[in-house]
Amino acid sequence: MIILFNKPYNVLTKFTDPDGRPTLADYIDIPRVYAAGRLDMDSEGLLLLTDSGKLNHDLTDPENKAYKTYVVQVEGIPTKAQLKALEQGIELKDGMTLPAKVKRIPYPKWLWEREKPIRVRQNQPTSFLQIKIKEGRNRQVRRMTAAVGIPTLRLIRTHIDAYHIGDLKPGMYRVIK
């Protein structure tokens, strides 16, 4: 079984938290399922959960090279050089990233309002990018965009390989047998 979950902003990607912060347990009442991968608390969008250890491994193993697709709202308007740098790979503290697939996109019409709005600077425009990566390093997309001078303001994962968030609203899930 696979569960497609649209993880809201400010929710931990685990089922318990000693500090009482919102967790997956606040949204999913299905026993013995585990997140295949993670999304940071301040990131939103598609999270896969499964009851199969093998499937979990297959989904998260970097050797499988499954693309993860993100819609990223960044501060500023990226230059061609910044986009090219992301496409070629970025040198981060933990090493060089694999090349990414990057393109500018218009404001996504399907995008929901976030519970806590992003910070906005009066004289600094924002832009949207679609970024596809094969890796899953800690806060990778945020670190990549910051490294080229266009910090991430909002990050929404829309796809993991062939799985897509579809029309799921934040906090909703769909079970696939």
Protein backbone atom coordinates (compact mmCIF):
# COMPACT_ATOMS: atom_id res chain seq x y z
CA MET A 1 0.00 0.00 0.00
CA ILE A 2 1.12 3.54 -0.78
CA ILE A 3 -0.36 6.68 0.70
CA LEU A 4 -0.03 9.95 -1.18
CA PHE A 5 -0.19 12.73 1.41
CA ASN A 6 -0.15 16.49 0.88
CA LYS A 7 1.91 17.53 3.89
CA PRO A 8 0.94 20.98 5.11
CA TYR A 9 3.42 23.64 6.16
CA ASN A 10 4.64 23.32 9.78
CA VAL A 11 3.98 19.57 10.12
CA LEU A 12 6.73 17.12 11.14
CA THR A 13 7.38 14.12 8.90
CA LYS A 14 6.99 11.64 11.74
CA PHE A 15 4.15 10.31 13.88
CA THR A 16 5.21 11.46 17.34
CA ASP A 17 6.81 14.55 18.84
CA PRO A 18 7.67 15.04 22.52
CA ASP A 19 7.27 18.80 22.03
CA GLY A 20 3.66 18.47 20.88
CA ARG A 21 4.17 19.92 17.40
CA PRO A 22 1.84 18.80 14.59
CA THR A 23 2.81 15.40 13.14
CA LEU A 24 1.58 12.90 10.56
CA ALA A 25 -0.58 11.32 13.30
CA ASP A 26 -2.75 14.45 13.25
CA TYR A 27 -3.72 13.62 9.64
CA ILE A 28 -3.23 9.89 8.99
CA ASP A 29 -4.89 7.23 11.12
CA ILE A 30 -3.55 4.13 9.38
CA PRO A 31 -1.44 1.78 11.51
CA ARG A 32 2.07 0.59 10.60
CA VAL A 33 2.80 2.98 7.74
CA TYR A 34 6.04 4.89 7.49
CA ALA A 35 7.18 7.89 5.49
CA ALA A 36 9.32 7.03 2.49
CA GLY A 37 11.68 9.96 2.70
CA ARG A 38 10.96 13.25 4.39
CA LEU A 39 9.97 16.85 3.93
CA ASP A 40 11.18 19.57 6.27
CA MET A 41 8.68 21.18 8.61
CA ASP A 42 8.66 24.35 6.52
CA SER A 43 8.22 22.49 3.22
CA GLU A 44 4.90 21.36 1.79
CA GLY A 45 3.50 18.88 -0.66
CA LEU A 46 3.80 15.27 -1.66
CA LEU A 47 4.95 12.77 0.93
CA LEU A 48 4.72 9.04 0.27
CA LEU A 49 4.01 6.59 3.08
CA THR A 50 3.94 2.82 2.88
CA ASP A 51 3.57 -0.31 4.99
CA SER A 52 6.20 -2.13 2.88
CA GLY A 53 9.86 -2.01 3.96
CA LYS A 54 10.98 -3.08 0.49
CA LEU A 55 8.89 -0.43 -1.22
CA ASN A 56 10.13 2.18 1.26
CA HIS A 57 13.73 1.23 0.40
CA ASP A 58 13.01 1.26 -3.33
CA LEU A 59 11.44 4.73 -3.12
CA THR A 60 14.24 6.27 -1.06
CA ASP A 61 17.33 4.52 -2.44
CA PRO A 62 19.44 7.10 -4.34
CA GLU A 63 20.57 4.33 -6.71
CA ASN A 64 17.04 4.23 -8.18
CA LYS A 65 17.53 7.80 -9.35
CA ALA A 66 13.85 8.75 -9.16
CA TYR A 67 13.24 12.43 -9.82
CA LYS A 68 11.56 14.56 -7.19
CA THR A 69 9.86 17.66 -8.58
CA TYR A 70 9.41 20.86 -6.62
CA VAL A 71 7.64 24.14 -7.23
CA VAL A 72 9.90 26.71 -5.63
CA GLN A 73 9.08 30.34 -4.93
CA VAL A 74 12.33 32.28 -4.80
CA GLU A 75 13.25 35.81 -3.89
CA GLY A 76 14.15 37.82 -6.95
CA ILE A 77 14.14 37.06 -10.65
CA PRO A 78 16.74 34.44 -11.56
CA THR A 79 19.23 35.20 -14.28
CA LYS A 80 20.16 32.76 -17.02
CA ALA A 81 23.51 32.27 -15.26
CA GLN A 82 21.80 31.36 -11.97
CA LEU A 83 19.51 28.86 -13.70
CA LYS A 84 22.46 27.37 -15.60
CA ALA A 85 24.43 26.96 -12.36
CA LEU A 86 21.52 25.03 -10.81
CA GLU A 87 21.29 22.86 -13.94
CA GLN A 88 25.01 22.04 -13.84
CA GLY A 89 25.15 21.25 -10.12
CA ILE A 90 26.09 23.34 -7.11
CA GLU A 91 29.05 22.95 -4.78
CA LEU A 92 27.61 22.70 -1.26
CA LYS A 93 29.39 22.06 2.05
CA ASP A 94 28.61 18.35 1.68
CA GLY A 95 29.84 18.15 -1.90
CA MET A 96 28.72 18.77 -5.45
CA THR A 97 25.05 18.20 -6.26
CA LEU A 98 23.97 16.28 -9.30
CA PRO A 99 22.67 18.42 -12.15
CA ALA A 100 19.07 19.55 -11.74
CA LYS A 101 16.35 20.17 -14.31
CA VAL A 102 15.25 23.77 -13.81
CA LYS A 103 12.79 26.07 -15.54
CA ARG A 104 10.96 29.27 -14.72
CA ILE A 105 7.20 28.85 -14.47
CA PRO A 106 4.30 31.26 -14.06
CA TYR A 107 2.46 31.54 -10.74
CA PRO A 108 0.81 28.12 -10.30
CA LYS A 109 -2.97 28.58 -10.53
CA TRP A 110 -3.52 25.50 -8.34
CA LEU A 111 -1.36 26.83 -5.47
CA TRP A 112 -3.18 27.01 -2.14
CA GLU A 113 -2.81 29.76 0.45
CA ARG A 114 -0.31 28.88 3.12
CA GLU A 115 -1.31 29.01 6.79
CA LYS A 116 1.61 31.33 7.52
CA PRO A 117 2.35 33.61 4.54
CA ILE A 118 5.89 33.87 3.20
CA ARG A 119 7.94 36.94 4.04
CA VAL A 120 7.60 39.59 1.39
CA ARG A 121 9.88 42.54 0.73
CA GLN A 122 8.17 45.56 -0.79
CA ASN A 123 10.79 46.20 -3.47
CA GLN A 124 11.90 42.59 -4.09
CA PRO A 125 9.86 40.56 -6.59
CA THR A 126 9.47 36.80 -6.33
CA SER A 127 9.54 34.13 -9.04
CA PHE A 128 8.53 30.51 -9.38
CA LEU A 129 10.76 27.69 -10.58
CA GLN A 130 10.18 24.03 -11.22
CA ILE A 131 13.20 22.10 -9.98
CA LYS A 132 13.71 18.35 -10.49
CA ILE A 133 16.45 16.55 -8.57
CA LYS A 134 17.47 12.93 -8.11
CA GLU A 135 19.11 13.38 -4.71
CA GLY A 136 17.50 14.07 -1.37
CA ARG A 137 20.09 15.77 0.79
CA ASN A 138 19.03 17.72 3.84
CA ARG A 139 17.39 21.00 2.70
CA GLN A 140 19.06 20.52 -0.68
CA VAL A 141 16.84 22.70 -2.88
CA ARG A 142 16.91 25.53 -0.34
CA ARG A 143 20.70 25.35 -0.10
CA MET A 144 21.07 25.23 -3.88
CA THR A 145 18.94 28.31 -4.54
CA ALA A 146 20.61 30.23 -1.70
CA ALA A 147 24.04 29.35 -3.12
CA VAL A 148 23.19 31.09 -6.40
CA GLY A 149 21.63 34.13 -4.72
CA ILE A 150 17.90 33.43 -5.03
CA PRO A 151 16.77 32.21 -1.60
CA THR A 152 13.78 29.87 -1.40
CA LEU A 153 10.69 31.42 0.17
CA ARG A 154 8.32 28.50 -0.36
CA LEU A 155 8.94 24.88 -1.36
CA ILE A 156 6.22 22.47 -2.54
CA ARG A 157 7.02 18.94 -3.72
CA THR A 158 4.60 17.94 -6.46
CA HIS A 159 6.03 14.64 -7.78
CA ILE A 160 8.12 11.70 -6.66
CA ASP A 161 8.90 9.68 -9.77
CA ALA A 162 5.50 8.80 -11.31
CA TYR A 163 3.54 9.72 -8.16
CA HIS A 164 1.84 13.12 -8.28
CA ILE A 165 0.11 15.25 -5.67
CA GLY A 166 -2.83 15.73 -8.05
CA ASP A 167 -5.79 17.57 -6.56
CA LEU A 168 -5.00 16.69 -2.93
CA LYS A 169 -5.46 19.70 -0.66
CA PRO A 170 -3.06 20.22 2.28
CA GLY A 171 -3.69 17.64 5.00
CA MET A 172 -5.51 15.23 2.66
CA TYR A 173 -4.32 11.81 1.51
CA ARG A 174 -5.15 9.08 -1.00
CA VAL A 175 -4.46 5.36 -0.57
CA ILE A 176 -3.18 3.33 -3.51
CA LYS A 177 -3.36 -0.45 -3.12
